[in-house]
Amino acid sequence: MENKILLEDVVIQNKEIDATDLNGEKVMMNLDKGQYFMLNEVASRIWDITDEPTKVSEIISTLLEEYEIDNETCEKTVIEFLSKLNNVDLIVKK
């Protein structure tokens, strides 16, 4: 069942996930499920931001300051990405 992330949600990394930096990207492993994931630079930045509980709208604001992207595209992309992370238990909604 898909659990969509909303702008007002607060999210944090699932601390049971092992993540390692590899040439500017992150490799993440969910040992319980036998899954691994590789994140590009922007996805890695989102992962770093979620080290502490963070409101989704704040993540978007941070990315808008750091990258050349329009608000609508950033919002849509971040929500889709965080929803995927949530659906595979890599992040937790607070």
N, C-alpha and C. Protein backbone atom coordinates (compact mmCIF):
# COMPACT_ATOMS: atom_id res chain seq x y z
N MET A 1 0.84 -1.18 0.00
CA MET A 1 0.00 0.00 0.00
C MET A 1 0.88 1.25 0.00
N GLU A 2 0.61 2.15 -0.92
CA GLU A 2 1.41 3.36 -1.02
C GLU A 2 1.00 4.34 0.06
N ASN A 3 2.00 4.97 0.65
CA ASN A 3 1.78 5.93 1.72
C ASN A 3 2.42 7.24 1.30
N LYS A 4 1.64 8.11 0.65
CA LYS A 4 2.18 9.34 0.08
C LYS A 4 2.59 10.33 1.17
N ILE A 5 3.70 10.97 0.91
CA ILE A 5 4.22 12.01 1.78
C ILE A 5 3.56 13.34 1.40
N LEU A 6 3.27 14.15 2.41
CA LEU A 6 2.65 15.46 2.20
C LEU A 6 3.61 16.56 2.63
N LEU A 7 3.38 17.78 2.15
CA LEU A 7 4.26 18.91 2.47
C LEU A 7 4.41 19.15 3.96
N GLU A 8 3.34 18.94 4.72
CA GLU A 8 3.38 19.22 6.15
C GLU A 8 3.95 18.07 6.98
N ASP A 9 4.22 16.94 6.35
CA ASP A 9 4.79 15.80 7.09
C ASP A 9 6.21 16.09 7.56
N VAL A 10 6.56 15.49 8.67
CA VAL A 10 7.93 15.54 9.19
C VAL A 10 8.52 14.15 9.00
N VAL A 11 9.70 14.10 8.39
CA VAL A 11 10.33 12.81 8.09
C VAL A 11 11.73 12.76 8.68
N ILE A 12 12.19 11.54 8.93
CA ILE A 12 13.54 11.30 9.43
C ILE A 12 14.02 9.97 8.86
N GLN A 13 15.33 9.85 8.72
CA GLN A 13 15.91 8.59 8.26
C GLN A 13 15.54 7.45 9.20
N ASN A 14 15.34 6.28 8.64
CA ASN A 14 15.23 5.07 9.45
C ASN A 14 16.64 4.75 9.92
N LYS A 15 16.90 4.86 11.20
CA LYS A 15 18.25 4.70 11.74
C LYS A 15 18.76 3.27 11.67
N GLU A 16 17.90 2.33 11.27
CA GLU A 16 18.34 0.94 11.11
C GLU A 16 18.94 0.69 9.73
N ILE A 17 18.93 1.71 8.88
CA ILE A 17 19.47 1.58 7.52
C ILE A 17 20.94 1.99 7.53
N ASP A 18 21.77 1.15 6.93
CA ASP A 18 23.19 1.47 6.79
C ASP A 18 23.39 2.26 5.50
N ALA A 19 24.03 3.43 5.59
CA ALA A 19 24.30 4.26 4.41
C ALA A 19 25.79 4.59 4.38
N THR A 20 26.37 4.52 3.19
CA THR A 20 27.79 4.79 3.00
C THR A 20 27.97 5.73 1.83
N ASP A 21 28.90 6.69 1.97
CA ASP A 21 29.23 7.57 0.85
C ASP A 21 30.15 6.84 -0.11
N LEU A 22 29.87 7.02 -1.41
CA LEU A 22 30.68 6.38 -2.44
C LEU A 22 30.77 7.34 -3.62
N ASN A 23 31.88 8.09 -3.69
CA ASN A 23 32.11 9.03 -4.80
C ASN A 23 30.96 10.02 -4.99
N GLY A 24 30.51 10.64 -3.90
CA GLY A 24 29.46 11.65 -3.99
C GLY A 24 28.05 11.10 -4.03
N GLU A 25 27.92 9.80 -4.01
CA GLU A 25 26.61 9.16 -3.98
C GLU A 25 26.51 8.35 -2.70
N LYS A 26 25.32 7.95 -2.37
CA LYS A 26 25.12 7.13 -1.17
C LYS A 26 24.66 5.75 -1.60
N VAL A 27 25.20 4.76 -0.92
CA VAL A 27 24.73 3.39 -1.06
C VAL A 27 24.08 3.04 0.26
N MET A 28 22.83 2.58 0.20
CA MET A 28 22.08 2.29 1.41
C MET A 28 21.64 0.84 1.38
N MET A 29 21.71 0.20 2.55
CA MET A 29 21.33 -1.20 2.64
C MET A 29 20.31 -1.41 3.74
N ASN A 30 19.27 -2.12 3.40
CA ASN A 30 18.30 -2.57 4.39
C ASN A 30 18.58 -4.05 4.59
N LEU A 31 19.37 -4.35 5.60
CA LEU A 31 19.82 -5.72 5.82
C LEU A 31 18.66 -6.66 6.15
N ASP A 32 17.65 -6.15 6.85
CA ASP A 32 16.49 -6.98 7.19
C ASP A 32 15.76 -7.48 5.96
N LYS A 33 15.67 -6.64 4.94
CA LYS A 33 14.92 -7.00 3.73
C LYS A 33 15.83 -7.45 2.59
N GLY A 34 17.15 -7.37 2.79
CA GLY A 34 18.08 -7.77 1.75
C GLY A 34 18.02 -6.85 0.53
N GLN A 35 17.78 -5.56 0.75
CA GLN A 35 17.68 -4.60 -0.34
C GLN A 35 18.82 -3.60 -0.25
N TYR A 36 19.25 -3.11 -1.42
CA TYR A 36 20.19 -2.00 -1.42
C TYR A 36 19.74 -0.96 -2.43
N PHE A 37 20.16 0.28 -2.19
CA PHE A 37 19.75 1.41 -3.01
C PHE A 37 20.96 2.30 -3.23
N MET A 38 21.04 2.92 -4.40
CA MET A 38 22.10 3.88 -4.68
C MET A 38 21.44 5.21 -4.99
N LEU A 39 21.89 6.26 -4.32
CA LEU A 39 21.30 7.59 -4.48
C LEU A 39 22.27 8.52 -5.19
N ASN A 40 21.75 9.32 -6.13
CA ASN A 40 22.59 10.31 -6.81
C ASN A 40 22.85 11.49 -5.88
N GLU A 41 23.50 12.52 -6.39
CA GLU A 41 23.91 13.66 -5.56
C GLU A 41 22.73 14.35 -4.87
N VAL A 42 21.69 14.65 -5.62
CA VAL A 42 20.55 15.37 -5.04
C VAL A 42 19.80 14.48 -4.05
N ALA A 43 19.59 13.23 -4.42
CA ALA A 43 18.93 12.29 -3.50
C ALA A 43 19.76 12.11 -2.24
N SER A 44 21.08 12.09 -2.38
CA SER A 44 21.97 11.98 -1.22
C SER A 44 21.83 13.20 -0.32
N ARG A 45 21.67 14.38 -0.94
CA ARG A 45 21.48 15.61 -0.16
C ARG A 45 20.18 15.54 0.64
N ILE A 46 19.12 15.03 0.02
CA ILE A 46 17.84 14.87 0.73
C ILE A 46 18.03 13.90 1.89
N TRP A 47 18.75 12.82 1.66
CA TRP A 47 19.02 11.84 2.72
C TRP A 47 19.76 12.52 3.88
N ASP A 48 20.77 13.33 3.56
CA ASP A 48 21.53 14.01 4.61
C ASP A 48 20.64 14.96 5.41
N ILE A 49 19.76 15.67 4.73
CA ILE A 49 18.86 16.61 5.42
C ILE A 49 17.95 15.86 6.40
N THR A 50 17.55 14.65 6.05
CA THR A 50 16.62 13.90 6.90
C THR A 50 17.32 13.16 8.04
N ASP A 51 18.56 13.51 8.31
CA ASP A 51 19.26 12.94 9.46
C ASP A 51 18.55 13.32 10.76
N GLU A 52 17.93 14.47 10.75
CA GLU A 52 17.12 14.95 11.88
C GLU A 52 15.68 15.10 11.40
N PRO A 53 14.70 15.04 12.30
CA PRO A 53 13.31 15.24 11.86
C PRO A 53 13.17 16.58 11.13
N THR A 54 12.66 16.53 9.91
CA THR A 54 12.57 17.73 9.07
C THR A 54 11.24 17.74 8.33
N LYS A 55 10.60 18.89 8.32
CA LYS A 55 9.35 19.06 7.58
C LYS A 55 9.66 19.02 6.08
N VAL A 56 8.81 18.36 5.32
CA VAL A 56 9.03 18.20 3.88
C VAL A 56 9.15 19.57 3.21
N SER A 57 8.34 20.52 3.60
CA SER A 57 8.42 21.86 3.00
C SER A 57 9.78 22.51 3.25
N GLU A 58 10.42 22.20 4.38
CA GLU A 58 11.75 22.74 4.68
C GLU A 58 12.82 22.08 3.80
N ILE A 59 12.66 20.81 3.51
CA ILE A 59 13.58 20.12 2.60
C ILE A 59 13.52 20.79 1.23
N ILE A 60 12.32 21.06 0.77
CA ILE A 60 12.13 21.70 -0.53
C ILE A 60 12.76 23.09 -0.54
N SER A 61 12.56 23.87 0.51
CA SER A 61 13.15 25.21 0.61
C SER A 61 14.67 25.15 0.54
N THR A 62 15.25 24.18 1.25
CA THR A 62 16.71 24.02 1.24
C THR A 62 17.21 23.71 -0.17
N LEU A 63 16.54 22.80 -0.85
CA LEU A 63 16.97 22.42 -2.20
C LEU A 63 16.80 23.57 -3.19
N LEU A 64 15.75 24.36 -3.03
CA LEU A 64 15.55 25.52 -3.91
C LEU A 64 16.67 26.53 -3.75
N GLU A 65 17.23 26.64 -2.55
CA GLU A 65 18.35 27.55 -2.31
C GLU A 65 19.65 27.00 -2.89
N GLU A 66 19.81 25.68 -2.89
CA GLU A 66 21.07 25.06 -3.27
C GLU A 66 21.17 24.66 -4.75
N TYR A 67 20.03 24.46 -5.40
CA TYR A 67 20.03 23.98 -6.79
C TYR A 67 19.17 24.88 -7.66
N GLU A 68 19.48 24.92 -8.94
CA GLU A 68 18.70 25.69 -9.90
C GLU A 68 17.53 24.84 -10.38
N ILE A 69 16.40 25.01 -9.72
CA ILE A 69 15.20 24.24 -10.03
C ILE A 69 13.99 25.08 -9.66
N ASP A 70 12.91 24.93 -10.41
CA ASP A 70 11.71 25.70 -10.08
C ASP A 70 10.94 25.00 -8.95
N ASN A 71 10.14 25.78 -8.26
CA ASN A 71 9.43 25.30 -7.08
C ASN A 71 8.52 24.11 -7.39
N GLU A 72 7.75 24.19 -8.47
CA GLU A 72 6.79 23.13 -8.80
C GLU A 72 7.50 21.79 -9.06
N THR A 73 8.57 21.84 -9.84
CA THR A 73 9.32 20.62 -10.14
C THR A 73 9.97 20.05 -8.89
N CYS A 74 10.55 20.94 -8.08
CA CYS A 74 11.22 20.50 -6.85
C CYS A 74 10.21 19.84 -5.91
N GLU A 75 9.08 20.48 -5.71
CA GLU A 75 8.06 19.95 -4.80
C GLU A 75 7.58 18.57 -5.26
N LYS A 76 7.26 18.45 -6.54
CA LYS A 76 6.76 17.18 -7.09
C LYS A 76 7.82 16.08 -6.96
N THR A 77 9.05 16.41 -7.31
CA THR A 77 10.13 15.42 -7.28
C THR A 77 10.45 14.97 -5.86
N VAL A 78 10.53 15.92 -4.93
CA VAL A 78 10.85 15.59 -3.54
C VAL A 78 9.74 14.73 -2.93
N ILE A 79 8.50 15.09 -3.16
CA ILE A 79 7.38 14.31 -2.60
C ILE A 79 7.38 12.89 -3.17
N GLU A 80 7.60 12.76 -4.47
CA GLU A 80 7.66 11.42 -5.08
C GLU A 80 8.81 10.60 -4.50
N PHE A 81 9.98 11.23 -4.38
CA PHE A 81 11.16 10.53 -3.86
C PHE A 81 10.96 10.11 -2.41
N LEU A 82 10.49 11.03 -1.57
CA LEU A 82 10.27 10.70 -0.16
C LEU A 82 9.18 9.64 0.00
N SER A 83 8.17 9.68 -0.85
CA SER A 83 7.12 8.65 -0.80
C SER A 83 7.71 7.28 -1.11
N LYS A 84 8.61 7.22 -2.09
CA LYS A 84 9.28 5.94 -2.41
C LYS A 84 10.13 5.46 -1.25
N LEU A 85 10.89 6.39 -0.64
CA LEU A 85 11.71 6.01 0.53
C LEU A 85 10.83 5.50 1.66
N ASN A 86 9.71 6.16 1.87
CA ASN A 86 8.78 5.76 2.93
C ASN A 86 8.19 4.38 2.65
N ASN A 87 7.87 4.12 1.41
CA ASN A 87 7.25 2.84 1.04
C ASN A 87 8.19 1.65 1.20
N VAL A 88 9.51 1.91 1.19
CA VAL A 88 10.48 0.82 1.40
C VAL A 88 11.16 0.94 2.77
N ASP A 89 10.54 1.73 3.66
CA ASP A 89 10.98 1.86 5.06
C ASP A 89 12.37 2.46 5.24
N LEU A 90 12.80 3.32 4.30
CA LEU A 90 14.09 3.99 4.47
C LEU A 90 13.96 5.26 5.30
N ILE A 91 12.77 5.85 5.29
CA ILE A 91 12.49 6.99 6.16
C ILE A 91 11.25 6.69 6.98
N VAL A 92 11.06 7.49 8.02
CA VAL A 92 9.92 7.33 8.92
C VAL A 92 9.19 8.67 8.97
N LYS A 93 7.86 8.62 8.86
CA LYS A 93 7.05 9.82 9.06
C LYS A 93 6.81 10.00 10.54
N LYS A 94 7.01 11.20 11.03
CA LYS A 94 6.76 11.50 12.45
C LYS A 94 5.39 12.08 12.63
